[in-house]
Protein backbone atom coordinates (compact mmCIF):
# COMPACT_ATOMS: atom_id res chain seq x y z
CA MET A 1 78.56 108.50 39.61
CA LYS A 2 76.44 106.03 41.58
CA ASN A 3 79.30 103.50 41.58
CA LEU A 4 81.73 106.11 42.92
CA PHE A 5 79.27 106.97 45.68
CA ASP A 6 78.90 103.30 46.57
CA ILE A 7 82.66 102.79 46.71
CA HIS A 8 83.13 105.82 48.94
CA PHE A 9 80.26 104.75 51.19
CA TRP A 10 81.59 101.25 51.80
CA GLU A 11 85.11 102.59 52.23
CA MET A 12 83.89 104.82 55.06
CA ILE A 13 81.99 101.90 56.61
CA ILE A 14 85.09 99.69 56.56
CA ARG A 15 87.40 102.45 57.86
CA THR A 16 84.99 103.30 60.67
CA THR A 17 84.50 99.66 61.66
CA VAL A 18 88.23 98.95 61.75
CA SER A 19 88.91 102.15 63.72
CA PHE A 20 86.14 101.30 66.20
CA ALA A 21 87.41 97.76 66.72
CA THR A 22 90.98 98.99 67.16
CA LEU A 23 89.93 101.60 69.72
CA LEU A 24 88.01 98.96 71.67
CA LEU A 25 91.06 96.68 71.68
CA LEU A 26 93.44 99.48 72.66
CA ALA A 27 91.14 100.58 75.49
CA ARG A 28 91.36 97.06 76.96
CA ILE A 29 95.13 96.90 76.50
CA LEU A 30 96.02 100.36 77.82
CA GLY A 31 94.41 99.75 81.21
CA LYS A 32 91.34 100.15 83.37
CA LYS A 33 91.98 103.45 85.13
CA GLN A 34 88.82 105.31 85.98
CA LEU A 35 88.38 108.86 84.71
CA SER A 36 88.87 110.18 88.24
CA GLN A 37 92.28 108.47 88.36
CA LEU A 38 93.59 109.71 85.02
CA THR A 39 96.51 112.13 85.11
CA PHE A 40 96.79 114.90 82.51
CA PHE A 41 99.21 112.76 80.47
CA HIS A 42 96.75 109.86 80.23
CA TYR A 43 93.91 112.28 79.51
CA ILE A 44 95.57 113.95 76.52
CA THR A 45 96.89 110.60 75.28
CA GLY A 46 93.35 109.21 75.24
CA ILE A 47 92.04 112.28 73.40
CA THR A 48 94.83 112.04 70.82
CA ILE A 49 94.19 108.35 70.15
CA GLY A 50 90.49 109.12 69.69
CA SER A 51 91.30 112.01 67.36
CA ILE A 52 93.54 109.84 65.19
CA ALA A 53 90.83 107.17 64.99
CA SER A 54 88.19 109.72 63.99
CA GLU A 55 90.55 111.15 61.36
CA ILE A 56 90.99 107.68 59.86
CA ALA A 57 87.25 107.02 59.86
CA ALA A 58 85.95 110.35 58.54
CA GLN A 59 88.65 111.88 56.35
CA LYS A 60 89.03 110.14 53.01
CA GLU A 61 92.05 112.39 52.26
CA THR A 62 93.94 110.59 55.05
CA PRO A 63 95.58 107.42 53.70
CA PHE A 64 94.13 104.55 55.74
CA ILE A 65 97.42 102.68 56.24
CA ASP A 66 99.29 105.83 57.31
CA GLY A 67 96.60 106.77 59.79
CA TYR A 68 96.34 103.22 61.13
CA ILE A 69 100.10 102.98 61.66
CA ALA A 70 100.03 106.32 63.50
CA LEU A 71 97.21 105.05 65.74
CA ILE A 72 99.01 101.82 66.63
CA TRP A 73 102.37 103.54 67.13
CA TRP A 74 100.85 106.15 69.44
CA ALA A 75 99.32 103.36 71.51
CA ILE A 76 102.67 101.54 71.64
CA LEU A 77 104.43 104.73 72.82
CA THR A 78 101.77 105.13 75.52
CA LEU A 79 102.32 101.54 76.68
CA VAL A 80 106.08 102.02 76.73
CA MET A 81 105.80 105.25 78.72
CA SER A 82 103.36 103.62 81.15
CA TYR A 83 105.82 100.76 81.69
CA ILE A 84 108.70 103.17 82.24
CA THR A 85 106.74 105.25 84.77
CA LEU A 86 105.74 102.02 86.54
CA LYS A 87 109.40 101.06 86.99
CA SER A 88 110.97 104.48 87.50
CA THR A 89 109.99 107.02 90.15
CA LYS A 90 111.92 109.77 88.36
CA ALA A 91 110.11 109.09 85.08
CA ARG A 92 106.76 109.03 86.90
CA THR A 93 107.54 112.40 88.45
CA LEU A 94 108.59 113.78 85.05
CA VAL A 95 105.37 112.65 83.37
CA ASP A 96 102.77 113.01 86.13
CA ASP A 97 104.49 115.45 88.54
CA ASN A 98 104.13 115.11 92.33
CA PRO A 99 101.18 115.87 94.60
CA THR A 100 101.28 119.47 95.85
CA ILE A 101 100.42 120.57 99.39
CA VAL A 102 98.29 123.70 99.05
CA ILE A 103 97.21 123.96 102.70
CA LYS A 104 99.58 122.96 105.50
CA ASP A 105 98.80 123.11 109.22
CA GLY A 106 95.73 125.17 108.38
CA GLU A 107 97.77 127.78 106.48
CA ILE A 108 97.42 128.47 102.74
CA SER A 109 100.62 127.87 100.75
CA ILE A 110 100.55 130.75 98.26
CA LYS A 111 103.72 129.48 96.59
CA SER A 112 102.19 126.04 95.97
CA ILE A 113 98.93 127.50 94.66
CA LYS A 114 100.80 129.70 92.18
CA LYS A 115 103.02 126.79 91.15
CA ALA A 116 99.92 124.71 90.43
CA ARG A 117 98.47 127.69 88.48
CA LEU A 118 95.35 127.78 90.64
CA HIS A 119 93.25 130.64 91.94
CA MET A 120 91.89 130.64 95.47
CA ASP A 121 88.45 130.39 93.86
CA ASP A 122 89.52 127.02 92.43
CA VAL A 123 90.71 125.77 95.81
CA LEU A 124 87.55 126.97 97.55
CA MET A 125 85.38 125.29 94.92
CA MET A 126 87.18 121.96 95.40
CA LEU A 127 86.78 122.29 99.16
CA ARG A 128 83.05 123.00 98.80
CA GLU A 129 82.71 119.86 96.67
CA GLN A 130 83.76 117.99 99.81
CA SER A 131 81.27 119.94 101.98
CA ILE A 132 84.00 122.13 103.48
CA PHE A 133 83.13 125.82 103.46
CA SER A 134 85.81 127.21 105.76
CA ILE A 135 89.58 126.93 105.33
CA GLN A 136 89.85 126.99 109.12
CA ASP A 137 88.40 123.45 109.12
CA VAL A 138 91.33 122.13 107.03
CA HIS A 139 94.55 120.76 108.49
CA TYR A 140 96.11 119.57 105.21
CA ALA A 141 94.97 119.81 101.57
CA VAL A 142 96.90 118.06 98.81
CA LEU A 143 96.40 118.63 95.08
CA GLU A 144 96.81 115.18 93.51
CA THR A 145 98.36 114.50 90.12
CA ASN A 146 94.89 113.87 88.64
CA GLY A 147 93.74 117.36 89.65
CA LYS A 148 91.64 116.24 92.63
CA LEU A 149 92.01 117.77 96.08
CA SER A 150 92.55 115.42 99.03
CA VAL A 151 91.66 116.98 102.38
CA PHE A 152 92.59 116.07 105.94
CA LYS A 153 90.30 117.95 108.30
CA LYS A 154 91.29 119.27 111.68
CA VAL A 155 90.62 116.74 114.40
CA ALA A 156 87.73 118.75 115.86
CA GLN A 157 86.01 118.78 112.44
CA GLN A 158 86.38 115.08 111.67
CA GLU A 159 83.34 112.84 111.80
CA ALA A 160 83.12 110.42 114.68
CA THR A 161 83.73 106.77 113.84
CA LYS A 162 82.11 103.72 115.33
CA LEU A 163 85.23 103.19 117.42
CA ASP A 164 84.93 106.72 118.79
CA VAL A 165 81.40 106.06 120.03
CA LYS A 166 82.17 102.42 120.94
CA ALA A 167 79.59 101.06 118.52
CA ASP A 168 79.54 97.53 117.12
CA VAL A 169 82.42 97.09 114.66
CA SER A 170 81.96 93.41 113.81
CA LEU A 171 82.30 92.50 110.16
CA PRO A 172 79.04 92.24 108.15
CA THR A 173 77.80 88.76 107.31
CA TYR A 174 77.23 89.54 103.63
CA MET A 175 78.23 92.11 101.04
CA PRO A 176 75.17 93.83 99.51
CA SER A 177 74.51 91.91 96.30
CA GLU A 178 71.91 91.79 93.55
CA ILE A 179 69.72 88.72 93.94
CA ILE A 180 66.82 89.37 91.55
CA SER A 181 66.84 91.67 88.54
CA ASP A 182 63.68 92.31 86.52
CA GLY A 183 61.98 89.13 87.72
CA VAL A 184 65.01 86.87 87.16
CA ILE A 185 67.23 85.35 89.85
CA VAL A 186 70.94 86.19 89.50
CA TYR A 187 72.28 82.67 90.06
CA LYS A 188 75.93 83.74 89.73
CA ASN A 189 75.64 85.89 92.83
CA LEU A 190 73.79 83.15 94.70
CA GLU A 191 76.63 80.74 94.02
CA GLU A 192 79.25 83.23 95.17
CA LEU A 193 77.31 83.82 98.39
CA ASP A 194 76.70 80.08 98.89
CA LEU A 195 72.92 80.61 98.87
CA THR A 196 70.16 78.67 97.14
CA GLU A 197 66.98 79.42 95.23
CA GLU A 198 65.03 77.83 98.09
CA TRP A 199 66.55 80.36 100.48
CA VAL A 200 65.44 83.20 98.18
CA MET A 201 61.88 81.88 97.95
CA LYS A 202 61.70 81.49 101.74
CA LYS A 203 62.73 85.13 102.16
CA LEU A 204 60.20 86.25 99.55
CA ARG A 205 57.33 84.33 101.12
CA LYS A 206 58.07 86.00 104.46
CA GLN A 207 57.32 89.30 102.70
CA GLY A 208 54.14 87.98 101.09
CA VAL A 209 55.66 87.34 97.66
CA ASP A 210 54.86 83.99 96.03
CA SER A 211 56.70 84.31 92.72
CA VAL A 212 60.06 85.68 91.56
CA GLU A 213 58.28 87.24 88.57
CA GLU A 214 56.51 89.62 90.95
CA VAL A 215 59.85 91.14 91.96
CA TYR A 216 61.44 93.95 89.99
CA TYR A 217 64.62 94.09 92.08
CA ALA A 218 65.91 92.33 95.19
CA GLN A 219 69.17 92.96 97.02
CA LEU A 220 70.80 91.02 99.84
CA GLN A 221 71.67 93.25 102.79
CA THR A 222 74.70 92.97 105.08
CA ASN A 223 72.65 91.41 107.90
CA GLY A 224 71.20 88.69 105.65
CA SER A 225 67.82 90.35 105.08
CA LEU A 226 66.41 90.86 101.60
CA TYR A 227 65.38 94.23 100.21
CA VAL A 228 62.54 93.69 97.73
CA SER A 229 61.02 96.09 95.21
CA LEU A 230 57.88 94.69 93.54
CA ARG A 231 56.58 95.37 90.07
CA LYS A 232 53.81 97.96 90.15
CA ASN A 233 50.98 98.76 87.76
CA GLY A 234 51.91 95.85 85.55
CA ILE A 235 55.31 97.37 84.62
C-alpha cells in the first residue's frame, strides 16, 4: 500500500512539473499581450490551455500522453490562428470582431449597444471609470475588441495641453530611472544613461548622504535631479 502511494505521489509530482514547465514555455511562445489587450478569443484560449494543464497535473484518470498532446495541439492551433489573423483582415474580424461606436456626435447608438449586448448601466460604468459622469461630455465612444471603452471628449471638456497654454514643451533630459534599490546601485541603468558612480555619490552628498547603504531607493528625475528615500529606523 505504501509503495502504491509513493508511486502515485511521484507521478503527480512529475506530471505537475512537466505541465508547469510546458505552460511557462507556451506563455513565452504565444506572445506578450497584456491582460488589458487580450480579446475574448485570446482570453478563453488562455483559460482552456490552463484547464488542460491542470487536468494533466491533477487527474490521474487522464492519460498523461493524451493530455499532453491535447495541450500542445491546442497551443499550435492558437499560434496558427494568431498568424492567420495577423495576415488577414477578414480573419481578424471573424475572430476578434470590429470596434463598435456606441456614442457618435454625442448621441447614444441604441442599435450598437444592443448589438454589443450591453446595458446603459455598463456604458455609464465604463465612462465613470474614465472620470466621465455625463454623456453630454462625450463626442465619440468606441467599444474596443478587448471590451474596453475608448472615449473622445467634446472639445470644451478636453484637458488643456502644454501647447494650449504655451508652456515649455522641450524634451526631458532623462527618463525617470531606478538608480539605487535597497542600498545597491543599479549599474545597468547607469550605463544606459551614460552616468557614473561618482556622479551618484556627488548627488547623494549634496543631500547630506555619505553612503549608498543609507539609501533605500533613489530615482533619477527628468531634469537630472535625484529623488532619494533613506532607510528609516534601521529597516
